Amino acid sequence: MKLIDMHSHWGTRRGYALRSQAELAQQKATWNSEPTYHTEQEMVAYFRLSGVQAILDFGYTKFIPLAEAREVHDYGFATQRAYPQQILGHWIHIDPHTGLDGVRELRRCIDQAPGFIGFSVSGSGSGPATHPAWEPFYELCIDAAVPVLLFVGTTGLGAGLPGGGGVVLDDCHPRHLDAVAAKYPQLTIVAARPGWPWQAETIAVLMHKRNVWYELHGWAPKYHQPELRHDIARRLRERVMFGADYPMFSYERLVREWRECGYSEEVLQGLFHGNAERFLAGVRRP
């Protein structure tokens, strides 16, 4: 099966999204998987064996100083240059409160990236997507024709920790997706994750704002809400895209569970790669 994975993380020790001992300890409870590190070669070999081309996300770079984040970004770009068939590109996380310095780092990443590049807007720990701090980043993305990955719904980050690790779930309410899409109609947006506990509201935004695509990383398909299952094969069938959240989930498990959901082969082909191919054709860098 050919898979275009619109959102996963790094399986390498340097790139692994969960960093602290508390975060690593919660992986089993939240994603039912164990922290395991692979070399770059092993990670890419698994992508190749699974028929996967992936867009990867470090995630944690929004929590570290820009100088350190720059080194991580360059590590990602160097690895992509070595394995361009399996690593299609990157979603870049930058703390929006770094201001113009952060905008300059995003501009540098856009200029240096060897393939697809997009900007991640995650309210989890950074403030809602409607916060004014994000505005100069949106303006750069429009000017550079770079898409934005805007997170909706609950997050595994901080789940089970005291106070949820300080993460405010409402910062990823789909109202913020709706407001950003309305204010910036020239912005290409991908809504990230199933929108639970606001799944119906997320679908309403997707139906109203046609400049928004949808990728479904972070959840096993068997746990999707009934309204999402219904619309994957209907109103969303041309805009919904596969996201794995590797290494939290294996591709074997996800493909099996997607097939067990009973979707037609046509719907699955669109989900697994066809819709992503159309999306990428519209944002492909020269």
Protein backbone atom coordinates (compact mmCIF):
# COMPACT_ATOMS: atom_id res chain seq x y z
CA MET A 1 0.00 0.00 0.00
CA LYS A 2 1.29 3.43 -0.94
CA LEU A 3 1.05 5.87 1.95
CA ILE A 4 1.68 9.60 2.11
CA ASP A 5 1.94 10.38 5.80
CA MET A 6 1.05 14.03 6.30
CA HIS A 7 2.13 14.12 9.92
CA SER A 8 4.55 12.01 11.90
CA HIS A 9 7.47 12.53 14.24
CA TRP A 10 11.05 11.33 14.33
CA GLY A 11 12.01 7.88 15.57
CA THR A 12 15.62 8.93 16.21
CA ARG A 13 16.96 9.83 19.64
CA ARG A 14 17.79 13.36 18.52
CA GLY A 15 14.42 13.97 16.91
CA TYR A 16 12.09 12.09 19.29
CA ALA A 17 9.12 14.31 20.16
CA LEU A 18 8.84 13.23 23.81
CA ARG A 19 11.85 14.52 25.72
CA SER A 20 11.40 14.49 29.48
CA GLN A 21 11.13 11.40 31.67
CA ALA A 22 7.54 12.35 32.51
CA GLU A 23 6.62 12.59 28.80
CA LEU A 24 8.31 9.29 27.99
CA ALA A 25 6.53 7.59 30.88
CA GLN A 26 3.10 8.66 29.60
CA GLN A 27 3.61 7.21 26.09
CA LYS A 28 2.32 3.79 27.09
CA ALA A 29 -0.81 5.18 28.76
CA THR A 30 -1.65 7.66 25.98
CA TRP A 31 -0.60 5.89 22.76
CA ASN A 32 -0.21 2.27 23.94
CA SER A 33 3.35 2.14 22.64
CA GLU A 34 6.82 2.10 24.17
CA PRO A 35 9.62 4.63 23.57
CA THR A 36 12.09 3.02 21.15
CA TYR A 37 14.85 4.85 19.31
CA HIS A 38 16.11 4.08 15.80
CA THR A 39 18.99 5.35 13.74
CA GLU A 40 18.19 7.55 10.77
CA GLN A 41 18.90 4.60 8.49
CA GLU A 42 16.56 2.29 10.45
CA MET A 43 13.76 4.87 10.47
CA VAL A 44 13.99 5.42 6.73
CA ALA A 45 14.21 1.68 6.08
CA TYR A 46 10.92 1.25 7.98
CA PHE A 47 9.31 3.99 5.87
CA ARG A 48 10.54 2.29 2.70
CA LEU A 49 9.36 -1.16 3.81
CA SER A 50 5.94 0.32 4.68
CA GLY A 51 5.58 2.14 1.34
CA VAL A 52 5.62 5.49 3.16
CA GLN A 53 6.59 9.00 2.17
CA ALA A 54 6.40 11.20 5.26
CA ILE A 55 6.27 14.82 6.34
CA LEU A 56 7.90 15.00 9.76
CA ASP A 57 7.43 17.23 12.78
CA PHE A 58 9.87 17.71 15.65
CA GLY A 59 7.19 19.32 17.82
CA TYR A 60 9.44 20.10 20.77
CA THR A 61 11.33 22.88 18.99
CA LYS A 62 8.69 25.41 20.06
CA PHE A 63 9.82 24.84 23.66
CA ILE A 64 13.58 25.36 23.21
CA PRO A 65 15.72 28.45 22.44
CA LEU A 66 15.86 29.47 18.79
CA ALA A 67 19.59 28.78 18.55
CA GLU A 68 18.99 25.17 19.58
CA ALA A 69 15.93 24.90 17.34
CA ARG A 70 17.99 26.07 14.37
CA GLU A 71 20.41 23.17 14.87
CA VAL A 72 17.50 20.71 15.03
CA HIS A 73 15.97 22.13 11.87
CA ASP A 74 19.29 21.80 10.04
CA TYR A 75 19.60 18.19 11.25
CA GLY A 76 16.17 17.51 9.73
CA PHE A 77 17.08 19.13 6.43
CA ALA A 78 20.38 17.22 6.21
CA THR A 79 18.59 13.93 6.86
CA GLN A 80 15.99 14.74 4.21
CA ARG A 81 18.70 15.47 1.66
CA ALA A 82 20.11 12.01 2.34
CA TYR A 83 16.70 10.30 1.98
CA PRO A 84 14.49 12.48 -0.25
CA GLN A 85 12.28 9.62 -1.43
CA GLN A 86 11.04 8.77 2.06
CA ILE A 87 11.18 12.18 3.80
CA LEU A 88 9.14 14.64 1.76
CA GLY A 89 9.49 17.58 4.11
CA HIS A 90 8.86 19.16 7.47
CA TRP A 91 6.34 20.99 9.60
CA ILE A 92 8.26 23.65 11.53
CA HIS A 93 7.34 24.56 15.13
CA ILE A 94 8.53 27.93 16.48
CA ASP A 95 7.39 29.66 19.66
CA PRO A 96 5.33 32.60 18.30
CA HIS A 97 6.35 34.74 21.28
CA THR A 98 9.91 34.89 19.91
CA GLY A 99 8.57 37.61 17.60
CA LEU A 100 10.68 38.81 14.70
CA ASP A 101 13.55 36.49 15.62
CA GLY A 102 11.17 33.56 15.23
CA VAL A 103 9.85 34.92 11.94
CA ARG A 104 13.42 35.19 10.66
CA GLU A 105 14.08 31.56 11.62
CA LEU A 106 10.97 30.46 9.73
CA ARG A 107 12.13 32.48 6.71
CA ARG A 108 15.53 30.79 6.93
CA CYS A 109 13.88 27.37 7.08
CA ILE A 110 11.75 28.19 4.03
CA ASP A 111 14.89 29.18 2.13
CA GLN A 112 16.97 26.20 3.30
CA ALA A 113 14.44 23.35 3.16
CA PRO A 114 15.20 20.82 0.40
CA GLY A 115 11.53 19.93 -0.17
CA PHE A 116 8.09 20.54 1.26
CA ILE A 117 7.94 22.99 4.15
CA GLY A 118 5.03 24.08 6.29
CA PHE A 119 4.47 25.92 9.56
CA SER A 120 2.84 24.30 12.60
CA VAL A 121 0.43 26.29 14.75
CA SER A 122 -0.25 24.35 17.94
CA GLY A 123 -2.11 26.04 20.77
CA SER A 124 -0.78 23.38 23.14
CA GLY A 125 1.49 25.47 25.30
CA SER A 126 1.88 28.30 22.79
CA GLY A 127 -1.48 30.08 22.93
CA PRO A 128 -4.49 29.78 20.60
CA ALA A 129 -4.08 30.24 16.86
CA THR A 130 -5.98 33.53 17.12
CA HIS A 131 -3.36 35.08 19.43
CA PRO A 132 -1.79 38.18 17.81
CA ALA A 133 1.69 36.65 18.24
CA TRP A 134 0.96 34.29 15.33
CA GLU A 135 0.01 37.05 12.87
CA PRO A 136 3.49 37.86 11.45
CA PHE A 137 4.02 34.14 10.87
CA TYR A 138 0.73 33.89 8.93
CA GLU A 139 1.71 36.89 6.84
CA LEU A 140 5.07 35.29 5.98
CA CYS A 141 3.36 32.01 5.09
CA ILE A 142 1.01 33.81 2.71
CA ASP A 143 3.89 35.75 1.13
CA ALA A 144 6.01 32.58 0.73
CA ALA A 145 3.06 30.36 -0.30
CA VAL A 146 3.74 28.06 2.66
CA PRO A 147 0.86 26.06 4.20
CA VAL A 148 -0.02 26.09 7.89
CA LEU A 149 -0.78 23.00 9.97
CA LEU A 150 -3.30 24.18 12.57
CA PHE A 151 -4.03 21.78 15.43
CA VAL A 152 -7.55 21.12 16.69
CA GLY A 153 -8.99 18.86 19.38
CA THR A 154 -7.43 17.36 22.46
CA THR A 155 -3.74 16.54 22.67
CA GLY A 156 -1.73 13.75 24.21
CA LEU A 157 0.83 16.35 25.29
CA GLY A 158 0.64 16.63 29.06
CA ALA A 159 -2.14 14.03 29.33
CA GLY A 160 -2.19 12.50 32.80
CA LEU A 161 0.39 14.91 34.21
CA PRO A 162 -0.50 17.25 37.09
CA GLY A 163 -2.52 20.10 35.58
CA GLY A 164 -2.06 18.54 32.18
CA GLY A 165 1.46 19.93 32.11
CA GLY A 166 -0.06 23.41 31.88
CA VAL A 167 -1.68 22.70 28.49
CA VAL A 168 -5.08 24.41 28.06
CA LEU A 169 -7.25 22.21 25.82
CA ASP A 170 -9.49 25.09 24.78
CA ASP A 171 -6.54 26.70 22.99
CA CYS A 172 -7.08 24.05 20.26
CA HIS A 173 -10.85 24.55 19.96
CA PRO A 174 -11.89 24.68 16.27
CA ARG A 175 -13.25 28.20 16.80
CA HIS A 176 -9.65 29.33 16.37
CA LEU A 177 -9.32 27.41 13.10
CA ASP A 178 -12.52 29.07 11.88
CA ALA A 179 -11.35 32.57 12.81
CA VAL A 180 -7.90 32.20 11.21
CA ALA A 181 -9.35 30.73 8.00
CA ALA A 182 -11.83 33.61 7.79
CA LYS A 183 -9.25 36.32 8.46
CA TYR A 184 -6.64 34.88 6.06
CA PRO A 185 -8.48 33.47 3.02
CA GLN A 186 -5.20 33.33 1.07
CA LEU A 187 -3.65 31.01 3.65
CA THR A 188 -3.53 27.30 2.83
CA ILE A 189 -4.47 25.48 6.04
CA VAL A 190 -4.39 21.84 7.07
CA ALA A 191 -6.43 21.07 10.19
CA ALA A 192 -4.49 18.55 12.26
CA ARG A 193 -5.95 15.70 14.33
CA PRO A 194 -9.50 14.53 14.89
CA GLY A 195 -11.30 17.40 16.59
CA TRP A 196 -12.67 15.54 19.63
CA PRO A 197 -14.35 16.64 21.87
CA TRP A 198 -15.45 19.20 19.28
CA GLN A 199 -15.66 16.90 16.26
CA ALA A 200 -18.99 18.23 14.93
CA GLU A 201 -17.72 21.82 15.23
CA THR A 202 -14.51 20.87 13.38
CA ILE A 203 -16.51 19.35 10.52
CA ALA A 204 -18.70 22.45 10.39
CA VAL A 205 -15.59 24.62 9.93
CA LEU A 206 -14.25 22.30 7.22
CA MET A 207 -17.53 22.47 5.32
CA HIS A 208 -17.68 26.26 5.58
CA LYS A 209 -14.01 27.09 4.95
CA ARG A 210 -12.97 25.31 1.75
CA ASN A 211 -9.36 26.52 1.99
CA VAL A 212 -8.91 24.04 4.86
CA TRP A 213 -7.74 20.43 4.36
CA TYR A 214 -7.77 17.77 7.08
CA GLU A 215 -5.24 15.19 8.30
CA LEU A 216 -5.99 12.62 11.01
CA HIS A 217 -2.81 11.81 12.91
CA GLY A 218 -2.76 10.88 16.57
CA TRP A 219 -5.79 8.57 16.79
CA ALA A 220 -6.35 4.92 16.06
CA PRO A 221 -9.14 4.88 13.42
CA LYS A 222 -11.38 2.61 15.49
CA TYR A 223 -11.75 5.43 18.03
CA HIS A 224 -12.97 8.07 15.56
CA GLN A 225 -16.31 9.63 16.43
CA PRO A 226 -19.39 8.50 14.43
CA GLU A 227 -19.82 11.89 12.70
CA LEU A 228 -16.19 11.79 11.51
CA ARG A 229 -16.52 8.20 10.27
CA HIS A 230 -19.64 9.20 8.35
CA ASP A 231 -18.11 12.23 6.63
CA ILE A 232 -14.74 10.64 5.76
CA ALA A 233 -16.61 8.69 3.08
CA ARG A 234 -18.89 11.57 2.12
CA ARG A 235 -18.45 15.31 2.53
CA LEU A 236 -14.75 15.13 3.47
CA ARG A 237 -13.65 12.35 1.14
CA GLU A 238 -11.65 14.65 -1.16
CA ARG A 239 -9.91 16.63 1.61
CA VAL A 240 -9.11 14.12 4.34
CA MET A 241 -5.53 12.81 4.45
CA PHE A 242 -3.63 10.10 6.26
CA GLY A 243 -1.47 11.03 9.23
CA ALA A 244 0.23 8.36 11.32
CA ASP A 245 1.93 9.99 14.32
CA TYR A 246 4.80 7.50 13.96
CA PRO A 247 6.55 6.35 16.13
CA MET A 248 3.58 6.44 18.54
CA PHE A 249 1.66 4.21 16.09
CA SER A 250 2.93 1.62 13.63
CA TYR A 251 1.89 1.75 9.99
CA GLU A 252 0.88 -1.92 10.13
CA ARG A 253 -1.64 -1.22 12.88
CA LEU A 254 -3.07 1.90 11.26
CA VAL A 255 -3.54 0.38 7.79
CA ARG A 256 -5.19 -2.66 9.33
CA GLU A 257 -7.57 -0.58 11.42
CA TRP A 258 -8.44 1.75 8.53
CA ARG A 259 -9.39 -1.29 6.45
CA GLU A 260 -11.41 -2.74 9.31
CA CYS A 261 -13.55 0.43 9.34
CA GLY A 262 -15.27 -0.80 6.17
CA TYR A 263 -14.52 2.07 3.79
CA SER A 264 -14.53 1.39 0.06
CA GLU A 265 -11.21 0.95 -1.73
CA GLU A 266 -11.81 4.24 -3.55
CA VAL A 267 -12.19 6.13 -0.28
CA LEU A 268 -9.09 4.44 1.18
CA GLN A 269 -6.96 5.23 -1.88
CA GLY A 270 -7.91 8.90 -1.56
CA LEU A 271 -7.21 8.88 2.16
CA PHE A 272 -3.93 6.97 1.97
CA HIS A 273 -2.33 8.98 -0.84
CA GLY A 274 -4.61 10.44 -3.53
CA ASN A 275 -5.82 13.51 -1.64
CA ALA A 276 -2.33 14.23 -0.34
CA GLU A 277 -0.96 14.07 -3.88
CA ARG A 278 -3.47 16.73 -4.96
CA PHE A 279 -2.67 18.85 -1.92
CA LEU A 280 1.08 18.63 -2.47
CA ALA A 281 0.72 19.40 -6.17
CA GLY A 282 -0.84 22.70 -5.18
CA VAL A 283 1.91 23.68 -2.75
CA ARG A 284 4.94 22.02 -4.32
CA ARG A 285 8.09 24.10 -4.04
CA PRO A 286 10.08 24.78 -7.22
